[in-house]
Each structure stands twice: as structure tokens, then as C-alpha cells.
Amino acid sequence: MSKETIETLVSELVHEEDWRRMRATAACVAGGPRAVHALIEALRSGSPELKREAAAMLARLKDPQAGVALVGLLQDEDDAVRKAGAAALEQMAGVLDMETAAALVALLPQMPDGDMRRLVTHLIGAIPTAVAPLCDMLKHPDPEAQVTAATMLDQLLDPRSVDAFIDAMGQPAVRDIAVGTLKKLQAIRERIDAAFNELRNVEGASEREEARMATVIDLLGIGRPSVEILIEYLEDEDWLVREAAADLLGKIADVRAVEPLMKRLARDKDTGVKELAIKALGLIGDARPTPLYLEAIPIRPLRVYAMEALAKIKDVEVLRPHKDLFDRLRTDRDGLVAYNAGLIADKLEALSAVQMTGQEGNPSP
């Protein structure tokens, strides 16, 4: 067994020998918080090549502790390092914390017009936790910073910014933007409320299902600005409205919906809502619902959807403890269950092969 420290192994992510790079990769995947800390240090003090590899590895591990350090890469002198940092932040958008979002928002006024400013703007729009720092930035003493924040919030059209825009109405630099954004947000709210009110009034099983699908088609074009409102409607008393909200959230595939959809899957008394929740979670591809998917496999109306969702999880590593289960399900009588179990088992076998190759490499100089 190797006696190298995790710091040494991290440095070997860019080693010229394949087996050393693979061993380093395996060590990072299995290394937990110590590996994350070593990778963050590599972002700060490593060579450009190591910074790029460390950023890619942190994106794979998806530990939010790395967020601020990755934001720091956006100011690196090496263009490839900046792009690696941006790519990692985009891949981790759903798990990045408020501190990371605040660091990214604080960076925006320092960026001159050009590709990097557009990139930072794109990243802020992709990170759900960026809304609060942008709202705080509306209070900045510099009118240019206020306008920057207001413009970003106008693009995001997130209902969480309503109070901040109301407070900003007295600031001359952003008053017009605030008025326009509040009108747009009100129009979005009214359209969604009206659509769901109409849906509640439909009677008859077949008519209601048809109406649900029509409502989803009608509202889907709103996209991300509807997410926070749709999350509210997941708690509606009408099961058909909850189904429509879950369906829309899955098709929009915003990570803000993961935990509310998990709650529906775990607690809702309506099987149809559970089905739409599990389908929606599968489309998002987040690993957090894994235990709920596993619990749903024995439940006949949900088992196919559970297997499909498991097969779509992007972080395959979280499925490794359940490999025996997937191996058994490869011969399940339900063809779709067997097919998806085979997909998962094949991915796990491929991952194990890569890691074993790294661990079995000859450690001699």
C-alpha cells in the first residue's frame, strides 16, 4: 500500500505516468474532507496544470467548501485555469453555498466588459444562492454596483427579489429597473395562479389529466423564473396541481426543486404525485434522492421510475454501496428494471476498473 500523503497524491494528478494519475484520482475520490482540503490548497499554490486538474476533481466531488477557492481561479493569469474554474463552478451550481455566491457577486463589479464578465454573469445566473447577495448589492453605495445587481436580478426574475426591489424604489439609479422587474414578476405570478386555478376547476378523470398536460405545456416557457412559485404549489391541496407543479419542475430541471420534490416523494399520499416527483428528480440527476429511490424499488407503481432515476444520477460513486442490488436486478422480470440495473452495474464496474488500475500500478520509481 502507498504511504504517500494525500497532498503528495493530489500533486500526482498531473504525473506523467498513467498509473500514478489513476491512483491519485482514486485517492481523491475516496479521501473525504482531507482530499478536498488538499485539492483546495492545490488551487492556491499548484502549477497551472495542477490547478486545472484540481478544479475538475473538485467538480466531481461536489464539496461546497471548494466554492470560494474556485471563484479565486476566475482571476488567475492563466486563461485555461480561469476556464477550468468556471467549468467547475457551473457543474457545482446546485451545491454552492451563500459564501461562494457572495464571492462571485463581489467579483462582478471588478470585471471589465468582455468574455470574463459575461462568464461571471452566466455563473451568477446558474447559482440559486446568488439571489440573496445580489439583493444585498442593491444597497451598495456605488450606483454602478446597484445597476449591475438590478440588471442581473431583472434577468433572473426570481420572486425572492421582490422585497429588495420594493426597498430599492427610492434609489434613483435603479428605480426604473425595479419598477419594470416588479411588473414582470407580478405578471408571472398572475399567469401561474390563473393557470392552476383553472386546473382545479376541471372535473372528470380523463379531462383533468388532459388539462394537467395542457397546463404544463402552457407554463413551461416561463422557465426558471417560475421555480420558486412552483415549489409553493407542491404544497397545494389539489393532487392534480401538485402533479403539474412536479412535472414542470422536472422539465425545468432547476436544482432548487430537489429537496421540495424529495419531500413530495417521501410524504405525499397520492401515488400520481409520487410518480411525477420521482420522474422530475430523475430529470434533474442530483444524487441526494438516492435513498428515496432505493426505498421505492419494491413499490410496484414506482419501481421503474426509481430505476430510471438511479440510472440518471450523474455522481455514479454514490451508487457503489448498492452494487450487489443492481447486479441482482439485472435479471429482474421487468425488462425496464433489468435494463436500467444493467446500465448502473456497468458504470460501477467501469469505475472500479479505473480505480483498481491506479491502485495496482507498480509504485517503484
Protein backbone atom coordinates (compact mmCIF):
# COMPACT_ATOMS: atom_id res chain seq x y z
CA MET A 1 0.00 0.00 0.00
CA SER A 2 1.17 3.52 -0.74
CA LYS A 3 2.48 5.56 2.19
CA GLU A 4 2.22 8.91 0.42
CA THR A 5 0.24 11.70 2.00
CA ILE A 6 -2.94 12.90 0.35
CA GLU A 7 -1.09 16.12 -0.56
CA THR A 8 1.52 14.08 -2.46
CA LEU A 9 -1.18 12.05 -4.18
CA VAL A 10 -3.02 15.21 -5.23
CA SER A 11 0.18 16.52 -6.80
CA GLU A 12 0.31 13.32 -8.88
CA LEU A 13 -2.94 14.17 -10.67
CA VAL A 14 -0.64 15.58 -13.36
CA HIS A 15 2.10 12.92 -13.15
CA GLU A 16 3.49 11.72 -16.47
CA GLU A 17 2.80 8.07 -15.57
CA ASP A 18 -0.76 6.87 -16.13
CA TRP A 19 -0.90 4.58 -13.09
CA ARG A 20 0.14 7.41 -10.77
CA ARG A 21 -2.56 9.71 -12.16
CA MET A 22 -5.18 6.99 -11.76
CA ARG A 23 -4.01 6.23 -8.22
CA ALA A 24 -4.24 9.93 -7.39
CA THR A 25 -7.76 10.07 -8.82
CA ALA A 26 -8.85 7.07 -6.75
CA ALA A 27 -7.31 8.60 -3.61
CA CYS A 28 -9.16 11.88 -4.14
CA VAL A 29 -12.49 10.13 -4.69
CA ALA A 30 -12.06 8.09 -1.50
CA GLY A 31 -10.22 10.73 0.53
CA GLY A 32 -13.13 12.66 2.01
CA PRO A 33 -12.57 16.10 3.61
CA ARG A 34 -8.76 15.68 3.71
CA ALA A 35 -8.69 15.24 -0.05
CA VAL A 36 -10.93 18.28 -0.54
CA HIS A 37 -8.62 20.43 1.61
CA ALA A 38 -5.57 19.22 -0.30
CA LEU A 39 -7.26 19.98 -3.62
CA ILE A 40 -8.21 23.47 -2.43
CA GLU A 41 -4.58 24.08 -1.47
CA ALA A 42 -3.57 22.93 -4.96
CA LEU A 43 -5.88 25.61 -6.40
CA ARG A 44 -3.96 28.22 -4.44
CA SER A 45 -0.35 27.08 -4.85
CA GLY A 46 -0.17 24.49 -7.64
CA SER A 47 1.09 24.80 -11.19
CA PRO A 48 -1.43 25.88 -13.85
CA GLU A 49 -1.78 22.26 -14.96
CA LEU A 50 -2.41 21.05 -11.39
CA LYS A 51 -4.91 23.85 -10.77
CA ARG A 52 -6.90 22.71 -13.81
CA GLU A 53 -6.91 19.07 -12.68
CA ALA A 54 -7.75 20.00 -9.08
CA ALA A 55 -10.67 22.11 -10.26
CA ALA A 56 -12.01 19.23 -12.36
CA MET A 57 -11.65 16.84 -9.41
CA LEU A 58 -13.46 19.22 -7.05
CA ALA A 59 -16.28 19.48 -9.57
CA ARG A 60 -16.51 15.71 -9.46
CA LEU A 61 -16.54 15.62 -5.64
CA LYS A 62 -19.06 18.49 -5.43
CA ASP A 63 -17.98 19.67 -1.98
CA PRO A 64 -19.28 23.24 -1.41
CA GLN A 65 -16.20 24.06 0.72
CA ALA A 66 -14.28 24.46 -2.53
CA GLY A 67 -16.53 27.18 -3.92
CA VAL A 68 -14.68 30.31 -2.79
CA ALA A 69 -11.31 28.91 -3.90
CA LEU A 70 -12.77 28.10 -7.31
CA VAL A 71 -14.07 31.68 -7.60
CA GLY A 72 -10.48 32.75 -6.99
CA LEU A 73 -9.42 30.92 -10.15
CA LEU A 74 -11.50 33.31 -12.22
CA GLN A 75 -8.81 35.94 -11.64
CA ASP A 76 -5.88 33.64 -12.43
CA GLU A 77 -3.40 34.90 -15.02
CA ASP A 78 -3.70 31.65 -16.99
CA ASP A 79 -6.69 31.59 -19.36
CA ALA A 80 -7.03 27.78 -19.21
CA VAL A 81 -7.10 27.91 -15.39
CA ARG A 82 -9.84 30.55 -15.47
CA LYS A 83 -11.90 28.38 -17.80
CA ALA A 84 -11.35 25.31 -15.58
CA GLY A 85 -12.54 27.26 -12.54
CA ALA A 86 -15.64 28.46 -14.38
CA ALA A 87 -16.45 24.95 -15.64
CA ALA A 88 -16.16 23.55 -12.11
CA LEU A 89 -18.41 26.26 -10.66
CA GLU A 90 -21.03 25.61 -13.32
CA GLN A 91 -21.01 21.87 -12.63
CA MET A 92 -21.34 22.53 -8.88
CA ALA A 93 -24.00 25.24 -9.21
CA GLY A 94 -26.62 23.29 -7.29
CA VAL A 95 -24.49 22.73 -4.18
CA LEU A 96 -22.63 26.05 -3.92
CA ASP A 97 -23.30 27.94 -0.69
CA MET A 98 -24.10 31.58 0.02
CA GLU A 99 -20.45 32.40 0.74
CA THR A 100 -19.45 31.27 -2.74
CA ALA A 101 -22.32 33.16 -4.35
CA ALA A 102 -21.33 36.31 -2.44
CA ALA A 103 -17.71 35.97 -3.59
CA LEU A 104 -18.87 35.63 -7.19
CA VAL A 105 -21.23 38.60 -6.95
CA ALA A 106 -18.48 40.71 -5.36
CA LEU A 107 -16.26 39.86 -8.34
CA LEU A 108 -18.72 41.15 -10.91
CA PRO A 109 -18.14 44.93 -10.49
CA GLN A 110 -14.38 44.35 -10.82
CA MET A 111 -14.73 42.68 -14.21
CA PRO A 112 -14.35 44.89 -17.30
CA ASP A 113 -16.74 44.31 -20.18
CA GLY A 114 -15.73 41.27 -22.19
CA ASP A 115 -15.77 37.49 -22.14
CA MET A 116 -14.91 37.10 -18.46
CA ARG A 117 -17.64 39.49 -17.33
CA ARG A 118 -20.14 37.59 -19.46
CA LEU A 119 -18.87 34.34 -17.95
CA VAL A 120 -19.22 35.60 -14.38
CA THR A 121 -22.70 36.88 -15.20
CA HIS A 122 -23.62 33.46 -16.58
CA LEU A 123 -22.32 31.72 -13.44
CA ILE A 124 -24.28 34.02 -11.13
CA GLY A 125 -27.41 33.19 -13.10
CA ALA A 126 -26.72 29.46 -12.71
CA ILE A 127 -26.24 29.52 -8.92
CA PRO A 128 -29.53 29.56 -6.96
CA THR A 129 -27.87 31.03 -3.85
CA ALA A 130 -26.76 34.14 -5.79
CA VAL A 131 -30.11 35.91 -5.42
CA ALA A 132 -29.53 36.99 -1.80
CA PRO A 133 -26.05 38.54 -2.42
CA LEU A 134 -27.44 40.35 -5.47
CA CYS A 135 -30.28 41.72 -3.34
CA ASP A 136 -27.70 42.94 -0.81
CA MET A 137 -25.76 44.56 -3.65
CA LEU A 138 -28.80 46.69 -4.47
CA LYS A 139 -27.95 48.60 -1.26
CA HIS A 140 -24.34 49.25 -2.35
CA PRO A 141 -23.33 52.94 -2.09
CA ASP A 142 -21.99 52.90 -5.66
CA PRO A 143 -24.83 53.49 -8.16
CA GLU A 144 -22.99 51.43 -10.80
CA ALA A 145 -22.96 48.43 -8.46
CA GLN A 146 -26.67 48.95 -7.80
CA VAL A 147 -27.38 48.93 -11.53
CA THR A 148 -25.27 45.81 -12.04
CA ALA A 149 -27.20 43.96 -9.33
CA ALA A 150 -30.58 45.22 -10.54
CA THR A 151 -29.82 44.21 -14.12
CA MET A 152 -28.81 40.70 -13.03
CA LEU A 153 -31.91 40.32 -10.87
CA ASP A 154 -34.06 41.53 -13.74
CA GLN A 155 -32.61 38.76 -15.89
CA LEU A 156 -33.16 36.12 -13.20
CA LEU A 157 -36.74 37.23 -12.41
CA ASP A 158 -36.68 35.37 -9.10
CA PRO A 159 -39.63 36.06 -6.75
CA ARG A 160 -37.19 36.14 -3.84
CA SER A 161 -36.00 39.57 -5.09
CA VAL A 162 -39.42 41.26 -4.73
CA ASP A 163 -38.82 42.78 -1.28
CA ALA A 164 -35.35 44.01 -2.27
CA PHE A 165 -36.74 45.73 -5.37
CA ILE A 166 -39.52 47.35 -3.34
CA ASP A 167 -36.89 48.70 -0.93
CA ALA A 168 -34.83 49.93 -3.90
CA MET A 169 -37.65 52.01 -5.34
CA GLY A 170 -36.24 55.08 -3.60
CA GLN A 171 -32.83 54.75 -5.27
CA PRO A 172 -32.72 56.87 -8.45
CA ALA A 173 -30.13 54.68 -10.19
CA VAL A 174 -32.31 51.56 -10.16
CA ARG A 175 -35.86 52.90 -9.76
CA ASP A 176 -36.85 52.24 -13.38
CA ILE A 177 -35.35 48.75 -13.37
CA ALA A 178 -37.11 47.99 -10.08
CA VAL A 179 -40.49 49.09 -11.42
CA GLY A 180 -40.08 47.07 -14.62
CA THR A 181 -38.90 43.93 -12.82
CA LEU A 182 -41.69 44.06 -10.26
CA LYS A 183 -44.24 44.30 -13.09
CA LYS A 184 -42.71 41.26 -14.79
CA LEU A 185 -42.68 39.27 -11.55
CA GLN A 186 -46.31 40.17 -10.87
CA ALA A 187 -47.28 39.09 -14.39
CA ILE A 188 -45.55 35.73 -13.91
CA ARG A 189 -47.30 35.17 -10.58
CA GLU A 190 -50.70 36.09 -12.04
CA ARG A 191 -50.27 33.80 -15.04
CA ILE A 192 -49.28 30.79 -12.91
CA ASP A 193 -52.03 31.43 -10.36
CA ALA A 194 -54.64 31.72 -13.12
CA ALA A 195 -53.50 28.52 -14.82
CA PHE A 196 -53.63 26.49 -11.61
CA ASN A 197 -56.99 27.97 -10.61
CA GLU A 198 -58.41 26.83 -13.95
CA LEU A 199 -56.89 23.39 -13.43
CA ARG A 200 -58.61 22.99 -10.06
CA ASN A 201 -61.99 23.65 -11.65
CA VAL A 202 -61.73 20.83 -14.21
CA GLU A 203 -63.88 17.77 -13.43
CA GLY A 204 -63.65 14.20 -14.68
CA ALA A 205 -60.57 11.95 -14.51
CA SER A 206 -59.67 11.96 -18.21
CA GLU A 207 -60.44 15.67 -18.57
CA ARG A 208 -58.25 16.50 -15.57
CA GLU A 209 -55.27 14.58 -16.94
CA GLU A 210 -55.66 16.31 -20.29
CA ALA A 211 -55.89 19.67 -18.54
CA ARG A 212 -52.77 18.92 -16.49
CA MET A 213 -50.72 18.25 -19.61
CA ALA A 214 -52.07 21.40 -21.27
CA THR A 215 -51.17 23.46 -18.19
CA VAL A 216 -47.62 22.09 -18.22
CA ILE A 217 -47.22 22.98 -21.91
CA ASP A 218 -48.66 26.44 -21.30
CA LEU A 219 -46.36 27.32 -18.36
CA LEU A 220 -43.17 25.56 -19.38
CA GLY A 221 -41.95 28.51 -21.43
CA ILE A 222 -41.65 30.69 -18.31
CA GLY A 223 -38.72 28.53 -17.21
CA ARG A 224 -36.58 29.31 -14.17
CA PRO A 225 -38.49 32.44 -13.04
CA SER A 226 -41.39 30.13 -12.18
CA VAL A 227 -39.40 27.75 -9.96
CA GLU A 228 -40.00 29.38 -6.56
CA ILE A 229 -43.72 29.73 -7.29
CA LEU A 230 -44.00 26.13 -8.48
CA ILE A 231 -42.28 24.97 -5.29
CA GLU A 232 -45.07 26.70 -3.34
CA TYR A 233 -47.65 24.83 -5.42
CA LEU A 234 -46.10 21.48 -4.46
CA GLU A 235 -47.95 22.02 -1.17
CA ASP A 236 -51.34 22.64 -2.82
CA GLU A 237 -54.38 20.76 -1.51
CA ASP A 238 -55.31 19.54 -5.00
CA TRP A 239 -53.29 16.50 -6.07
CA LEU A 240 -53.59 17.48 -9.74
CA VAL A 241 -51.99 20.86 -9.07
CA ARG A 242 -49.17 19.14 -7.15
CA GLU A 243 -48.67 16.79 -10.11
CA ALA A 244 -48.49 19.67 -12.57
CA ALA A 245 -46.03 21.57 -10.37
CA ALA A 246 -43.80 18.49 -10.01
CA ASP A 247 -43.95 17.82 -13.76
CA LEU A 248 -42.94 21.40 -14.58
CA LEU A 249 -40.11 21.43 -12.03
CA GLY A 250 -38.65 18.28 -13.56
CA LYS A 251 -38.78 19.68 -17.08
CA ILE A 252 -37.17 22.95 -15.94
CA ALA A 253 -34.56 20.87 -14.05
CA ASP A 254 -33.51 23.55 -11.58
CA VAL A 255 -31.64 22.16 -8.54
CA ARG A 256 -33.70 24.35 -6.18
CA ALA A 257 -36.52 21.88 -6.69
CA VAL A 258 -34.61 18.81 -5.46
CA GLU A 259 -35.43 18.97 -1.75
CA PRO A 260 -39.09 20.04 -2.19
CA LEU A 261 -39.59 17.20 -4.68
CA MET A 262 -37.90 14.79 -2.27
CA LYS A 263 -40.43 15.84 0.36
CA ARG A 264 -43.29 15.07 -2.04
CA LEU A 265 -41.81 11.68 -2.89
CA ALA A 266 -41.37 10.80 0.77
CA ARG A 267 -44.63 12.13 2.20
CA ASP A 268 -47.31 12.63 -0.44
CA LYS A 269 -50.32 10.35 -0.09
CA ASP A 270 -51.11 10.44 -3.81
CA THR A 271 -49.30 7.87 -5.95
CA GLY A 272 -49.56 10.06 -9.04
CA VAL A 273 -47.76 12.90 -7.27
CA LYS A 274 -45.05 10.48 -6.14
CA GLU A 275 -44.64 9.26 -9.73
CA LEU A 276 -44.27 12.79 -11.10
CA ALA A 277 -41.90 13.72 -8.26
CA ILE A 278 -39.62 10.77 -8.91
CA LYS A 279 -39.66 11.41 -12.68
CA ALA A 280 -38.82 15.07 -12.06
CA LEU A 281 -35.95 14.20 -9.73
CA GLY A 282 -34.61 11.78 -12.32
CA LEU A 283 -34.54 14.53 -14.94
CA ILE A 284 -32.52 16.76 -12.57
CA GLY A 285 -29.99 13.96 -11.96
CA ASP A 286 -29.00 15.00 -8.41
CA ALA A 287 -27.62 12.30 -6.10
CA ARG A 288 -29.40 13.46 -2.93
CA PRO A 289 -32.63 11.47 -3.50
CA THR A 290 -30.72 8.15 -3.84
CA PRO A 291 -32.05 6.67 -0.55
CA LEU A 292 -35.63 7.51 -1.59
CA TYR A 293 -35.13 5.84 -4.97
CA LEU A 294 -33.84 2.70 -3.27
CA GLU A 295 -36.84 2.66 -0.93
CA ALA A 296 -39.18 2.99 -3.93
CA ILE A 297 -37.81 -0.04 -5.82
CA PRO A 298 -40.10 -2.56 -4.04
CA ILE A 299 -43.18 -0.36 -4.65
CA ARG A 300 -44.65 -1.62 -7.89
CA PRO A 301 -46.05 1.67 -9.30
CA LEU A 302 -42.74 3.42 -8.62
CA ARG A 303 -40.03 0.82 -9.23
CA VAL A 304 -39.44 1.52 -12.93
CA TYR A 305 -39.30 5.27 -12.31
CA ALA A 306 -36.93 4.68 -9.38
CA MET A 307 -34.56 2.63 -11.53
CA GLU A 308 -34.65 5.17 -14.34
CA ALA A 309 -33.84 7.95 -11.86
CA LEU A 310 -30.97 5.95 -10.37
CA ALA A 311 -29.54 5.37 -13.85
CA LYS A 312 -29.57 9.14 -14.49
CA ILE A 313 -27.60 10.10 -11.37
CA LYS A 314 -24.51 11.96 -12.51
CA ASP A 315 -22.35 11.06 -9.49
CA VAL A 316 -22.14 7.29 -10.01
CA GLU A 317 -19.85 6.88 -6.98
CA VAL A 318 -22.80 7.23 -4.57
CA LEU A 319 -24.30 4.03 -6.01
CA ARG A 320 -21.26 1.86 -5.29
CA PRO A 321 -22.51 0.57 -1.87
CA HIS A 322 -25.55 -0.89 -3.65
CA LYS A 323 -23.76 -2.69 -6.48
CA ASP A 324 -24.97 -6.13 -5.31
CA LEU A 325 -28.56 -4.94 -5.56
CA PHE A 326 -28.09 -3.72 -9.13
CA ASP A 327 -26.35 -6.97 -10.08
CA ARG A 328 -29.37 -8.93 -8.82
CA LEU A 329 -31.83 -6.64 -10.62
CA ARG A 330 -30.10 -7.27 -13.95
CA THR A 331 -32.23 -10.42 -14.20
CA ASP A 332 -35.48 -8.84 -12.99
CA ARG A 333 -38.65 -9.96 -14.80
CA ASP A 334 -39.46 -6.33 -15.64
CA GLY A 335 -37.38 -5.50 -18.70
CA LEU A 336 -37.05 -1.79 -17.90
CA VAL A 337 -35.87 -2.52 -14.36
CA ALA A 338 -33.34 -5.04 -15.65
CA TYR A 339 -32.13 -2.68 -18.38
CA ASN A 340 -31.51 0.24 -16.02
CA ALA A 341 -29.92 -2.03 -13.41
CA GLY A 342 -27.54 -3.21 -16.13
CA LEU A 343 -26.65 0.37 -17.05
CA ILE A 344 -25.83 1.19 -13.44
CA ALA A 345 -23.87 -2.02 -12.84
CA ASP A 346 -21.81 -1.44 -15.99
CA LYS A 347 -20.95 2.11 -14.90
CA LEU A 348 -19.88 0.87 -11.46
CA GLU A 349 -17.74 -1.88 -12.97
CA ALA A 350 -16.04 0.62 -15.26
CA LEU A 351 -15.38 2.96 -12.31
CA SER A 352 -13.93 0.11 -10.23
CA ALA A 353 -11.69 -0.96 -13.10
CA VAL A 354 -10.20 2.53 -13.38
CA GLN A 355 -9.57 2.75 -9.64
CA MET A 356 -8.10 -0.75 -9.40
CA THR A 357 -5.71 0.02 -12.23
CA GLY A 358 -4.47 3.01 -10.30
CA GLN A 359 -4.09 1.10 -7.03
CA GLU A 360 -2.30 -1.86 -8.62
CA GLY A 361 0.24 0.18 -10.54
CA ASN A 362 3.85 -0.51 -9.72
CA PRO A 363 4.85 2.01 -7.03
CA SER A 364 8.56 1.57 -7.71
CA PRO A 365 10.42 4.63 -9.07
